[in-house]
């Protein structure tokens, strides 16, 4: 099995200690089902092109340049070398600015997770930082330039290594007050609260990521499989919201129902669904060749 390719290589510094590290993507969307855009009439793939909004001419890559609109259709042109020069200087170093309690940062600031592992000759310094943070029960706040952007990174011990999560800047996070501004002041009946507490108690569990599948991807895989095999696809029933007048009865029905394992997500695996699609596609192609 080939070793994963690092997305970034550099150093972590804390105090006068420097440790060479490599950063790897922790979450990837490469396994998702992807589609091509086709011409409905011919079935051919469509090629995307950039077109001049005024002349209608197709513009090649070398003639494309970034611009910032200043208003009324006027733009400031930014050349690639000007943008590169404006990016804060980086010496490929994750500089730890502070150590904080692990639970101090609001989840809304979390962006993307990355694994951090030591490079050769850095194992001892890496283990020192990892075990020191574990012992003190703290996380580290660091900053560096990642992928042409100055980023703040939250670094936490994770198994035998570290996990670095890029953080959204304050200006990127929208105010919760705006989202909940129209929320009415609702007073819930005590009986309904007791029933809800009972239902919640029967559903208490622990999070196990392996038990959850991407049901959207599964549905797409099943749809593609049905289309390949020329079979009808069964549509999923639309879920109806509970009406305020029916809420108490719905709670009573839920509390009185026999405890089942229905609360668990479906065990079907989206990877196996995609394999079925591939197998169906291969079989369909083989049948067409024989028929030809």
C-alpha atoms as a PDB file:
ATOM      1  CA  UNK A   1       0.000   0.000   0.000  1.00  0.00           C
ATOM      2  CA  UNK A   2       1.419   3.378  -1.042  1.00  0.00           C
ATOM      3  CA  UNK A   3       2.025   5.977   1.653  1.00  0.00           C
ATOM      4  CA  UNK A   4      -0.349   8.960   1.519  1.00  0.00           C
ATOM      5  CA  UNK A   5       0.918  12.078  -0.201  1.00  0.00           C
ATOM      6  CA  UNK A   6       1.476  15.060   2.083  1.00  0.00           C
ATOM      7  CA  UNK A   7      -0.504  18.230   1.277  1.00  0.00           C
ATOM      8  CA  UNK A   8       2.067  20.410   3.026  1.00  0.00           C
ATOM      9  CA  UNK A   9       5.490  19.994   4.619  1.00  0.00           C
ATOM     10  CA  UNK A  10       7.077  22.353   7.100  1.00  0.00           C
ATOM     11  CA  UNK A  11       7.848  22.782  10.800  1.00  0.00           C
ATOM     12  CA  UNK A  12       6.027  23.270  14.101  1.00  0.00           C
ATOM     13  CA  UNK A  13       7.756  25.588  16.546  1.00  0.00           C
ATOM     14  CA  UNK A  14       6.994  25.984  20.264  1.00  0.00           C
ATOM     15  CA  UNK A  15       9.439  28.043  22.267  1.00  0.00           C
ATOM     16  CA  UNK A  16      12.894  27.238  20.908  1.00  0.00           C
ATOM     17  CA  UNK A  17      11.869  23.709  19.846  1.00  0.00           C
ATOM     18  CA  UNK A  18      11.371  23.061  16.124  1.00  0.00           C
ATOM     19  CA  UNK A  19       9.899  19.874  14.682  1.00  0.00           C
ATOM     20  CA  UNK A  20       9.627  18.934  10.962  1.00  0.00           C
ATOM     21  CA  UNK A  21       6.096  17.764  10.151  1.00  0.00           C
ATOM     22  CA  UNK A  22       3.903  16.741   7.225  1.00  0.00           C
ATOM     23  CA  UNK A  23       0.226  17.595   6.869  1.00  0.00           C
ATOM     24  CA  UNK A  24      -2.287  15.167   5.308  1.00  0.00           C
ATOM     25  CA  UNK A  25      -5.939  15.578   4.372  1.00  0.00           C
ATOM     26  CA  UNK A  26      -8.151  14.000   7.058  1.00  0.00           C
ATOM     27  CA  UNK A  27     -11.474  14.278   5.203  1.00  0.00           C
ATOM     28  CA  UNK A  28     -11.904  13.826   1.455  1.00  0.00           C
ATOM     29  CA  UNK A  29     -14.823  14.045  -0.975  1.00  0.00           C
ATOM     30  CA  UNK A  30     -13.053  12.005  -3.693  1.00  0.00           C
ATOM     31  CA  UNK A  31     -15.233   8.944  -2.999  1.00  0.00           C
ATOM     32  CA  UNK A  32     -18.451  10.795  -3.759  1.00  0.00           C
ATOM     33  CA  UNK A  33     -20.348  10.043  -6.953  1.00  0.00           C
ATOM     34  CA  UNK A  34     -19.532  12.627  -9.623  1.00  0.00           C
ATOM     35  CA  UNK A  35     -21.462  13.533 -12.757  1.00  0.00           C
ATOM     36  CA  UNK A  36     -20.538  14.905 -16.169  1.00  0.00           C
ATOM     37  CA  UNK A  37     -22.610  17.529 -17.976  1.00  0.00           C
ATOM     38  CA  UNK A  38     -23.989  16.213 -21.270  1.00  0.00           C
ATOM     39  CA  UNK A  39     -25.789  17.612 -24.283  1.00  0.00           C
ATOM     40  CA  UNK A  40     -29.324  16.250 -23.878  1.00  0.00           C
ATOM     41  CA  UNK A  41     -29.774  15.952 -27.673  1.00  0.00           C
ATOM     42  CA  UNK A  42     -26.489  14.267 -28.616  1.00  0.00           C
ATOM     43  CA  UNK A  43     -25.421  12.629 -25.356  1.00  0.00           C
ATOM     44  CA  UNK A  44     -21.950  14.154 -25.774  1.00  0.00           C
ATOM     45  CA  UNK A  45     -20.037  15.750 -22.906  1.00  0.00           C
ATOM     46  CA  UNK A  46     -20.200  19.532 -22.683  1.00  0.00           C
ATOM     47  CA  UNK A  47     -16.935  21.505 -22.500  1.00  0.00           C
ATOM     48  CA  UNK A  48     -16.858  24.575 -20.265  1.00  0.00           C
ATOM     49  CA  UNK A  49     -15.409  27.738 -21.769  1.00  0.00           C
ATOM     50  CA  UNK A  50     -14.867  31.328 -20.627  1.00  0.00           C
ATOM     51  CA  UNK A  51     -16.598  33.839 -22.857  1.00  0.00           C
ATOM     52  CA  UNK A  52     -16.207  37.628 -23.060  1.00  0.00           C
ATOM     53  CA  UNK A  53     -19.486  39.070 -21.740  1.00  0.00           C
ATOM     54  CA  UNK A  54     -19.484  41.864 -24.342  1.00  0.00           C
ATOM     55  CA  UNK A  55     -17.907  40.420 -27.506  1.00  0.00           C
ATOM     56  CA  UNK A  56     -18.943  36.804 -27.041  1.00  0.00           C
ATOM     57  CA  UNK A  57     -15.417  35.649 -27.926  1.00  0.00           C
ATOM     58  CA  UNK A  58     -13.946  32.566 -26.233  1.00  0.00           C
ATOM     59  CA  UNK A  59     -11.049  33.554 -23.945  1.00  0.00           C
ATOM     60  CA  UNK A  60      -8.055  31.241 -23.569  1.00  0.00           C
ATOM     61  CA  UNK A  61      -6.290  30.578 -20.275  1.00  0.00           C
ATOM     62  CA  UNK A  62      -3.346  32.883 -21.030  1.00  0.00           C
ATOM     63  CA  UNK A  63      -5.689  35.825 -21.631  1.00  0.00           C
ATOM     64  CA  UNK A  64      -7.604  35.397 -18.367  1.00  0.00           C
ATOM     65  CA  UNK A  65      -6.724  37.631 -15.420  1.00  0.00           C
ATOM     66  CA  UNK A  66      -8.315  38.304 -12.035  1.00  0.00           C
ATOM     67  CA  UNK A  67     -10.130  41.577 -11.427  1.00  0.00           C
ATOM     68  CA  UNK A  68     -11.907  43.273  -8.529  1.00  0.00           C
ATOM     69  CA  UNK A  69     -15.045  45.271  -9.327  1.00  0.00           C
ATOM     70  CA  UNK A  70     -14.922  48.793  -7.928  1.00  0.00           C
ATOM     71  CA  UNK A  71     -18.442  49.629  -9.109  1.00  0.00           C
ATOM     72  CA  UNK A  72     -20.429  50.428 -12.281  1.00  0.00           C
ATOM     73  CA  UNK A  73     -18.604  47.797 -14.335  1.00  0.00           C
ATOM     74  CA  UNK A  74     -15.143  49.166 -13.537  1.00  0.00           C
ATOM     75  CA  UNK A  75     -12.453  46.717 -12.457  1.00  0.00           C
ATOM     76  CA  UNK A  76      -8.971  46.776 -10.953  1.00  0.00           C
ATOM     77  CA  UNK A  77      -6.816  44.172 -12.720  1.00  0.00           C
ATOM     78  CA  UNK A  78      -4.622  42.003 -10.466  1.00  0.00           C
ATOM     79  CA  UNK A  79      -1.726  40.181 -12.111  1.00  0.00           C
ATOM     80  CA  UNK A  80      -0.696  36.738 -10.707  1.00  0.00           C
ATOM     81  CA  UNK A  81       2.700  38.029  -9.560  1.00  0.00           C
ATOM     82  CA  UNK A  82       1.022  40.938  -7.739  1.00  0.00           C
ATOM     83  CA  UNK A  83      -1.272  38.565  -5.858  1.00  0.00           C
ATOM     84  CA  UNK A  84       1.657  36.257  -4.991  1.00  0.00           C
ATOM     85  CA  UNK A  85       3.660  39.214  -3.671  1.00  0.00           C
ATOM     86  CA  UNK A  86       0.747  40.339  -1.484  1.00  0.00           C
ATOM     87  CA  UNK A  87       0.449  36.975   0.319  1.00  0.00           C
ATOM     88  CA  UNK A  88       2.100  37.159   3.775  1.00  0.00           C
ATOM     89  CA  UNK A  89       5.610  35.759   3.754  1.00  0.00           C
ATOM     90  CA  UNK A  90       5.760  32.153   4.930  1.00  0.00           C
ATOM     91  CA  UNK A  91       8.787  30.094   5.910  1.00  0.00           C
ATOM     92  CA  UNK A  92       6.672  26.935   6.009  1.00  0.00           C
ATOM     93  CA  UNK A  93       6.381  27.156   9.775  1.00  0.00           C
ATOM     94  CA  UNK A  94       3.400  26.472  12.028  1.00  0.00           C
ATOM     95  CA  UNK A  95       4.210  28.903  14.823  1.00  0.00           C
ATOM     96  CA  UNK A  96       2.380  28.065  18.069  1.00  0.00           C
ATOM     97  CA  UNK A  97       1.079  31.325  19.520  1.00  0.00           C
ATOM     98  CA  UNK A  98      -0.670  29.946  22.610  1.00  0.00           C
ATOM     99  CA  UNK A  99      -1.888  26.833  24.428  1.00  0.00           C
ATOM    100  CA  UNK A 100      -5.570  26.835  25.399  1.00  0.00           C
ATOM    101  CA  UNK A 101      -8.101  24.460  27.034  1.00  0.00           C
ATOM    102  CA  UNK A 102      -9.291  21.868  24.504  1.00  0.00           C
ATOM    103  CA  UNK A 103     -12.965  22.892  24.723  1.00  0.00           C
ATOM    104  CA  UNK A 104     -12.476  26.653  24.568  1.00  0.00           C
ATOM    105  CA  UNK A 105     -13.132  27.220  20.839  1.00  0.00           C
ATOM    106  CA  UNK A 106     -16.698  27.374  19.526  1.00  0.00           C
ATOM    107  CA  UNK A 107     -17.361  24.649  16.922  1.00  0.00           C
ATOM    108  CA  UNK A 108     -18.709  27.250  14.489  1.00  0.00           C
ATOM    109  CA  UNK A 109     -15.111  28.357  13.841  1.00  0.00           C
ATOM    110  CA  UNK A 110     -13.978  24.880  12.708  1.00  0.00           C
ATOM    111  CA  UNK A 111     -13.145  24.595   8.999  1.00  0.00           C
ATOM    112  CA  UNK A 112     -11.187  21.543   7.747  1.00  0.00           C
ATOM    113  CA  UNK A 113      -9.246  18.830   9.637  1.00  0.00           C
ATOM    114  CA  UNK A 114      -5.746  17.633   8.700  1.00  0.00           C
ATOM    115  CA  UNK A 115      -3.483  14.971  10.176  1.00  0.00           C
ATOM    116  CA  UNK A 116      -0.046  16.126  11.346  1.00  0.00           C
ATOM    117  CA  UNK A 117       2.762  13.555  11.491  1.00  0.00           C
ATOM    118  CA  UNK A 118       6.489  13.946  12.112  1.00  0.00           C
ATOM    119  CA  UNK A 119       9.074  13.806   9.349  1.00  0.00           C
ATOM    120  CA  UNK A 120      12.408  12.030   9.757  1.00  0.00           C
ATOM    121  CA  UNK A 121      14.542  13.291  12.647  1.00  0.00           C
ATOM    122  CA  UNK A 122      11.525  15.023  14.183  1.00  0.00           C
ATOM    123  CA  UNK A 123       9.908  12.074  15.972  1.00  0.00           C
ATOM    124  CA  UNK A 124      11.223  12.854  19.452  1.00  0.00           C
ATOM    125  CA  UNK A 125      10.319  16.573  19.391  1.00  0.00           C
ATOM    126  CA  UNK A 126       6.920  15.649  17.928  1.00  0.00           C
ATOM    127  CA  UNK A 127       6.230  13.114  20.703  1.00  0.00           C
ATOM    128  CA  UNK A 128       7.318  15.681  23.285  1.00  0.00           C
ATOM    129  CA  UNK A 129       4.763  18.207  22.009  1.00  0.00           C
ATOM    130  CA  UNK A 130       2.002  15.583  21.678  1.00  0.00           C
ATOM    131  CA  UNK A 131       2.484  14.048  25.122  1.00  0.00           C
ATOM    132  CA  UNK A 132       2.999  17.444  26.748  1.00  0.00           C
ATOM    133  CA  UNK A 133      -0.355  18.662  25.431  1.00  0.00           C
ATOM    134  CA  UNK A 134      -2.029  15.413  26.507  1.00  0.00           C
ATOM    135  CA  UNK A 135      -0.617  15.774  30.016  1.00  0.00           C
ATOM    136  CA  UNK A 136      -1.714  19.417  30.304  1.00  0.00           C
ATOM    137  CA  UNK A 137      -5.040  18.735  28.537  1.00  0.00           C
ATOM    138  CA  UNK A 138      -4.564  21.658  26.183  1.00  0.00           C
ATOM    139  CA  UNK A 139      -4.692  22.422  22.466  1.00  0.00           C
ATOM    140  CA  UNK A 140      -2.371  24.735  20.534  1.00  0.00           C
ATOM    141  CA  UNK A 141      -3.223  27.766  18.410  1.00  0.00           C
ATOM    142  CA  UNK A 142      -0.811  28.240  15.527  1.00  0.00           C
ATOM    143  CA  UNK A 143      -0.658  30.274  12.334  1.00  0.00           C
ATOM    144  CA  UNK A 144       0.951  29.794   8.927  1.00  0.00           C
ATOM    145  CA  UNK A 145       0.285  30.175   5.205  1.00  0.00           C
ATOM    146  CA  UNK A 146      -1.590  27.151   3.849  1.00  0.00           C
ATOM    147  CA  UNK A 147      -2.622  26.929   0.210  1.00  0.00           C
ATOM    148  CA  UNK A 148      -1.894  30.622  -0.452  1.00  0.00           C
ATOM    149  CA  UNK A 149      -3.879  31.847   2.545  1.00  0.00           C
ATOM    150  CA  UNK A 150      -2.794  32.895   6.016  1.00  0.00           C
ATOM    151  CA  UNK A 151      -4.582  30.433   8.288  1.00  0.00           C
ATOM    152  CA  UNK A 152      -5.116  29.969  12.009  1.00  0.00           C
ATOM    153  CA  UNK A 153      -4.830  26.293  12.987  1.00  0.00           C
ATOM    154  CA  UNK A 154      -6.063  24.493  16.110  1.00  0.00           C
ATOM    155  CA  UNK A 155      -3.695  21.612  16.937  1.00  0.00           C
ATOM    156  CA  UNK A 156      -4.810  18.784  19.256  1.00  0.00           C
ATOM    157  CA  UNK A 157      -3.341  15.398  20.267  1.00  0.00           C
ATOM    158  CA  UNK A 158      -4.980  12.652  18.218  1.00  0.00           C
ATOM    159  CA  UNK A 159      -3.989   9.037  18.787  1.00  0.00           C
ATOM    160  CA  UNK A 160      -0.288   8.651  18.020  1.00  0.00           C
ATOM    161  CA  UNK A 161      -0.196  11.978  16.184  1.00  0.00           C
ATOM    162  CA  UNK A 162      -1.750  15.411  16.032  1.00  0.00           C
ATOM    163  CA  UNK A 163      -4.743  16.783  14.198  1.00  0.00           C
ATOM    164  CA  UNK A 164      -4.725  20.342  12.895  1.00  0.00           C
ATOM    165  CA  UNK A 165      -8.048  22.013  12.137  1.00  0.00           C
ATOM    166  CA  UNK A 166      -8.048  25.226  10.142  1.00  0.00           C
ATOM    167  CA  UNK A 167     -10.263  27.862  11.742  1.00  0.00           C
ATOM    168  CA  UNK A 168     -12.597  30.392  10.172  1.00  0.00           C
ATOM    169  CA  UNK A 169     -11.722  33.999  10.885  1.00  0.00           C
ATOM    170  CA  UNK A 170     -14.150  36.027  12.963  1.00  0.00           C
ATOM    171  CA  UNK A 171     -15.345  38.036   9.945  1.00  0.00           C
ATOM    172  CA  UNK A 172     -16.219  34.778   8.139  1.00  0.00           C
ATOM    173  CA  UNK A 173     -18.586  33.561  10.874  1.00  0.00           C
ATOM    174  CA  UNK A 174     -22.079  35.008  10.675  1.00  0.00           C
ATOM    175  CA  UNK A 175     -23.854  36.208  13.777  1.00  0.00           C
ATOM    176  CA  UNK A 176     -26.158  33.657  15.416  1.00  0.00           C
ATOM    177  CA  UNK A 177     -28.438  36.521  16.458  1.00  0.00           C
ATOM    178  CA  UNK A 178     -29.311  37.154  12.810  1.00  0.00           C
ATOM    179  CA  UNK A 179     -30.256  33.502  12.291  1.00  0.00           C
ATOM    180  CA  UNK A 180     -32.419  33.339  15.429  1.00  0.00           C
ATOM    181  CA  UNK A 181     -33.778  36.895  15.340  1.00  0.00           C
ATOM    182  CA  UNK A 182     -37.300  35.806  14.354  1.00  0.00           C
ATOM    183  CA  UNK A 183     -37.420  32.938  16.861  1.00  0.00           C
ATOM    184  CA  UNK A 184     -40.648  33.332  18.875  1.00  0.00           C
ATOM    185  CA  UNK A 185     -40.738  32.939  22.666  1.00  0.00           C
ATOM    186  CA  UNK A 186     -42.416  29.525  22.953  1.00  0.00           C
ATOM    187  CA  UNK A 187     -43.451  28.080  26.320  1.00  0.00           C
ATOM    188  CA  UNK A 188     -43.612  24.276  26.358  1.00  0.00           C
ATOM    189  CA  UNK A 189     -46.097  22.397  28.542  1.00  0.00           C
ATOM    190  CA  UNK A 190     -44.522  20.445  31.424  1.00  0.00           C
ATOM    191  CA  UNK A 191     -46.119  17.147  30.325  1.00  0.00           C
ATOM    192  CA  UNK A 192     -44.648  17.519  26.856  1.00  0.00           C
ATOM    193  CA  UNK A 193     -41.194  18.227  28.320  1.00  0.00           C
ATOM    194  CA  UNK A 194     -41.423  15.076  30.481  1.00  0.00           C
ATOM    195  CA  UNK A 195     -42.383  12.972  27.447  1.00  0.00           C
ATOM    196  CA  UNK A 196     -39.563  14.476  25.379  1.00  0.00           C
ATOM    197  CA  UNK A 197     -37.082  13.761  28.205  1.00  0.00           C
ATOM    198  CA  UNK A 198     -38.282  10.140  28.310  1.00  0.00           C
ATOM    199  CA  UNK A 199     -37.816   9.698  24.543  1.00  0.00           C
ATOM    200  CA  UNK A 200     -34.364  11.298  24.688  1.00  0.00           C
ATOM    201  CA  UNK A 201     -33.413   8.968  27.554  1.00  0.00           C
ATOM    202  CA  UNK A 202     -34.310   5.851  25.537  1.00  0.00           C
ATOM    203  CA  UNK A 203     -32.220   7.089  22.594  1.00  0.00           C
ATOM    204  CA  UNK A 204     -29.045   7.928  24.528  1.00  0.00           C
ATOM    205  CA  UNK A 205     -25.964   6.383  22.939  1.00  0.00           C
ATOM    206  CA  UNK A 206     -22.413   7.185  21.824  1.00  0.00           C
ATOM    207  CA  UNK A 207     -21.322   8.447  18.430  1.00  0.00           C
ATOM    208  CA  UNK A 208     -19.789   5.796  16.169  1.00  0.00           C
ATOM    209  CA  UNK A 209     -18.921   7.227  12.741  1.00  0.00           C
ATOM    210  CA  UNK A 210     -18.761   3.731  11.176  1.00  0.00           C
ATOM    211  CA  UNK A 211     -22.507   3.277  11.757  1.00  0.00           C
ATOM    212  CA  UNK A 212     -23.449   6.310   9.671  1.00  0.00           C
ATOM    213  CA  UNK A 213     -23.534   6.300   5.885  1.00  0.00           C
ATOM    214  CA  UNK A 214     -24.049   9.095   3.385  1.00  0.00           C
ATOM    215  CA  UNK A 215     -27.662   8.333   2.497  1.00  0.00           C
ATOM    216  CA  UNK A 216     -27.631  10.922  -0.280  1.00  0.00           C
ATOM    217  CA  UNK A 217     -24.725   9.099  -1.961  1.00  0.00           C
ATOM    218  CA  UNK A 218     -26.500   5.762  -1.432  1.00  0.00           C
ATOM    219  CA  UNK A 219     -29.660   7.107  -3.048  1.00  0.00           C
ATOM    220  CA  UNK A 220     -27.670   8.417  -6.033  1.00  0.00           C
ATOM    221  CA  UNK A 221     -25.902   5.049  -6.395  1.00  0.00           C
ATOM    222  CA  UNK A 222     -29.218   3.195  -6.345  1.00  0.00           C
ATOM    223  CA  UNK A 223     -30.704   5.634  -8.872  1.00  0.00           C
ATOM    224  CA  UNK A 224     -27.746   5.184 -11.260  1.00  0.00           C
ATOM    225  CA  UNK A 225     -27.919   1.385 -10.818  1.00  0.00           C
ATOM    226  CA  UNK A 226     -31.649   1.391 -11.627  1.00  0.00           C
ATOM    227  CA  UNK A 227     -31.068   3.543 -14.733  1.00  0.00           C
ATOM    228  CA  UNK A 228     -28.234   1.274 -15.943  1.00  0.00           C
ATOM    229  CA  UNK A 229     -30.391  -1.822 -15.499  1.00  0.00           C
ATOM    230  CA  UNK A 230     -33.472  -0.147 -16.976  1.00  0.00           C
ATOM    231  CA  UNK A 231     -35.503  -0.650 -13.807  1.00  0.00           C
ATOM    232  CA  UNK A 232     -37.943   1.813 -12.181  1.00  0.00           C
ATOM    233  CA  UNK A 233     -36.610   3.691  -9.182  1.00  0.00           C
ATOM    234  CA  UNK A 234     -38.688   3.751  -6.010  1.00  0.00           C
ATOM    235  CA  UNK A 235     -39.093   7.310  -4.748  1.00  0.00           C
ATOM    236  CA  UNK A 236     -38.627   8.033  -1.049  1.00  0.00           C
ATOM    237  CA  UNK A 237     -41.736   9.226   0.764  1.00  0.00           C
ATOM    238  CA  UNK A 238     -41.785  12.873   1.793  1.00  0.00           C
ATOM    239  CA  UNK A 239     -41.558  13.466   5.554  1.00  0.00           C
ATOM    240  CA  UNK A 240     -44.353  15.616   6.982  1.00  0.00           C
ATOM    241  CA  UNK A 241     -43.735  17.997   9.871  1.00  0.00           C
ATOM    242  CA  UNK A 242     -45.751  17.533  13.070  1.00  0.00           C
ATOM    243  CA  UNK A 243     -48.503  20.106  13.514  1.00  0.00           C
ATOM    244  CA  UNK A 244     -48.603  21.980  16.859  1.00  0.00           C
ATOM    245  CA  UNK A 245     -52.047  20.506  17.519  1.00  0.00           C
ATOM    246  CA  UNK A 246     -50.724  16.955  17.018  1.00  0.00           C
ATOM    247  CA  UNK A 247     -47.460  17.381  18.939  1.00  0.00           C
ATOM    248  CA  UNK A 248     -48.657  16.041  22.301  1.00  0.00           C
ATOM    249  CA  UNK A 249     -50.194  12.919  20.701  1.00  0.00           C
ATOM    250  CA  UNK A 250     -47.044  12.329  18.663  1.00  0.00           C
ATOM    251  CA  UNK A 251     -44.978  12.461  21.855  1.00  0.00           C
ATOM    252  CA  UNK A 252     -47.308  10.013  23.589  1.00  0.00           C
ATOM    253  CA  UNK A 253     -47.158   7.629  20.617  1.00  0.00           C
ATOM    254  CA  UNK A 254     -43.347   7.848  20.598  1.00  0.00           C
ATOM    255  CA  UNK A 255     -43.021   7.292  24.348  1.00  0.00           C
ATOM    256  CA  UNK A 256     -45.406   4.340  24.275  1.00  0.00           C
ATOM    257  CA  UNK A 257     -43.864   2.651  21.259  1.00  0.00           C
ATOM    258  CA  UNK A 258     -41.784  -0.508  21.742  1.00  0.00           C
ATOM    259  CA  UNK A 259     -38.098   0.299  21.973  1.00  0.00           C
ATOM    260  CA  UNK A 260     -36.496  -0.735  18.699  1.00  0.00           C
ATOM    261  CA  UNK A 261     -33.185  -0.421  16.981  1.00  0.00           C
ATOM    262  CA  UNK A 262     -34.874   1.880  14.474  1.00  0.00           C
ATOM    263  CA  UNK A 263     -32.897   4.800  15.822  1.00  0.00           C
ATOM    264  CA  UNK A 264     -29.781   3.341  14.241  1.00  0.00           C
ATOM    265  CA  UNK A 265     -28.837   4.504  10.731  1.00  0.00           C
ATOM    266  CA  UNK A 266     -29.079   2.149   7.794  1.00  0.00           C
ATOM    267  CA  UNK A 267     -26.210  -0.308   7.631  1.00  0.00           C
ATOM    268  CA  UNK A 268     -25.924  -0.233   3.851  1.00  0.00           C
ATOM    269  CA  UNK A 269     -22.523   1.029   2.787  1.00  0.00           C
ATOM    270  CA  UNK A 270     -22.265   3.652   0.053  1.00  0.00           C
ATOM    271  CA  UNK A 271     -19.031   2.062  -1.229  1.00  0.00           C
ATOM    272  CA  UNK A 272     -20.816  -1.247  -1.825  1.00  0.00           C
ATOM    273  CA  UNK A 273     -23.614   0.640  -3.560  1.00  0.00           C
ATOM    274  CA  UNK A 274     -21.090   2.233  -5.917  1.00  0.00           C
ATOM    275  CA  UNK A 275     -19.550  -1.202  -6.578  1.00  0.00           C
ATOM    276  CA  UNK A 276     -23.002  -2.443  -7.555  1.00  0.00           C
ATOM    277  CA  UNK A 277     -23.301   0.461  -9.975  1.00  0.00           C
ATOM    278  CA  UNK A 278     -19.921  -0.368 -11.526  1.00  0.00           C
ATOM    279  CA  UNK A 279     -20.832  -4.069 -11.794  1.00  0.00           C
ATOM    280  CA  UNK A 280     -24.184  -3.255 -13.399  1.00  0.00           C
ATOM    281  CA  UNK A 281     -22.481  -0.900 -15.854  1.00  0.00           C
ATOM    282  CA  UNK A 282     -19.953  -3.564 -16.825  1.00  0.00           C
ATOM    283  CA  UNK A 283     -22.693  -6.170 -17.287  1.00  0.00           C
ATOM    284  CA  UNK A 284     -24.762  -3.801 -19.373  1.00  0.00           C
ATOM    285  CA  UNK A 285     -21.777  -2.981 -21.610  1.00  0.00           C
ATOM    286  CA  UNK A 286     -21.005  -6.687 -22.060  1.00  0.00           C
ATOM    287  CA  UNK A 287     -24.620  -7.418 -23.045  1.00  0.00           C
ATOM    288  CA  UNK A 288     -24.572  -4.639 -25.612  1.00  0.00           C
ATOM    289  CA  UNK A 289     -21.329  -5.978 -27.135  1.00  0.00           C
ATOM    290  CA  UNK A 290     -22.833  -9.473 -27.425  1.00  0.00           C
ATOM    291  CA  UNK A 291     -25.984  -8.077 -28.958  1.00  0.00           C
ATOM    292  CA  UNK A 292     -23.889  -6.130 -31.463  1.00  0.00           C
END
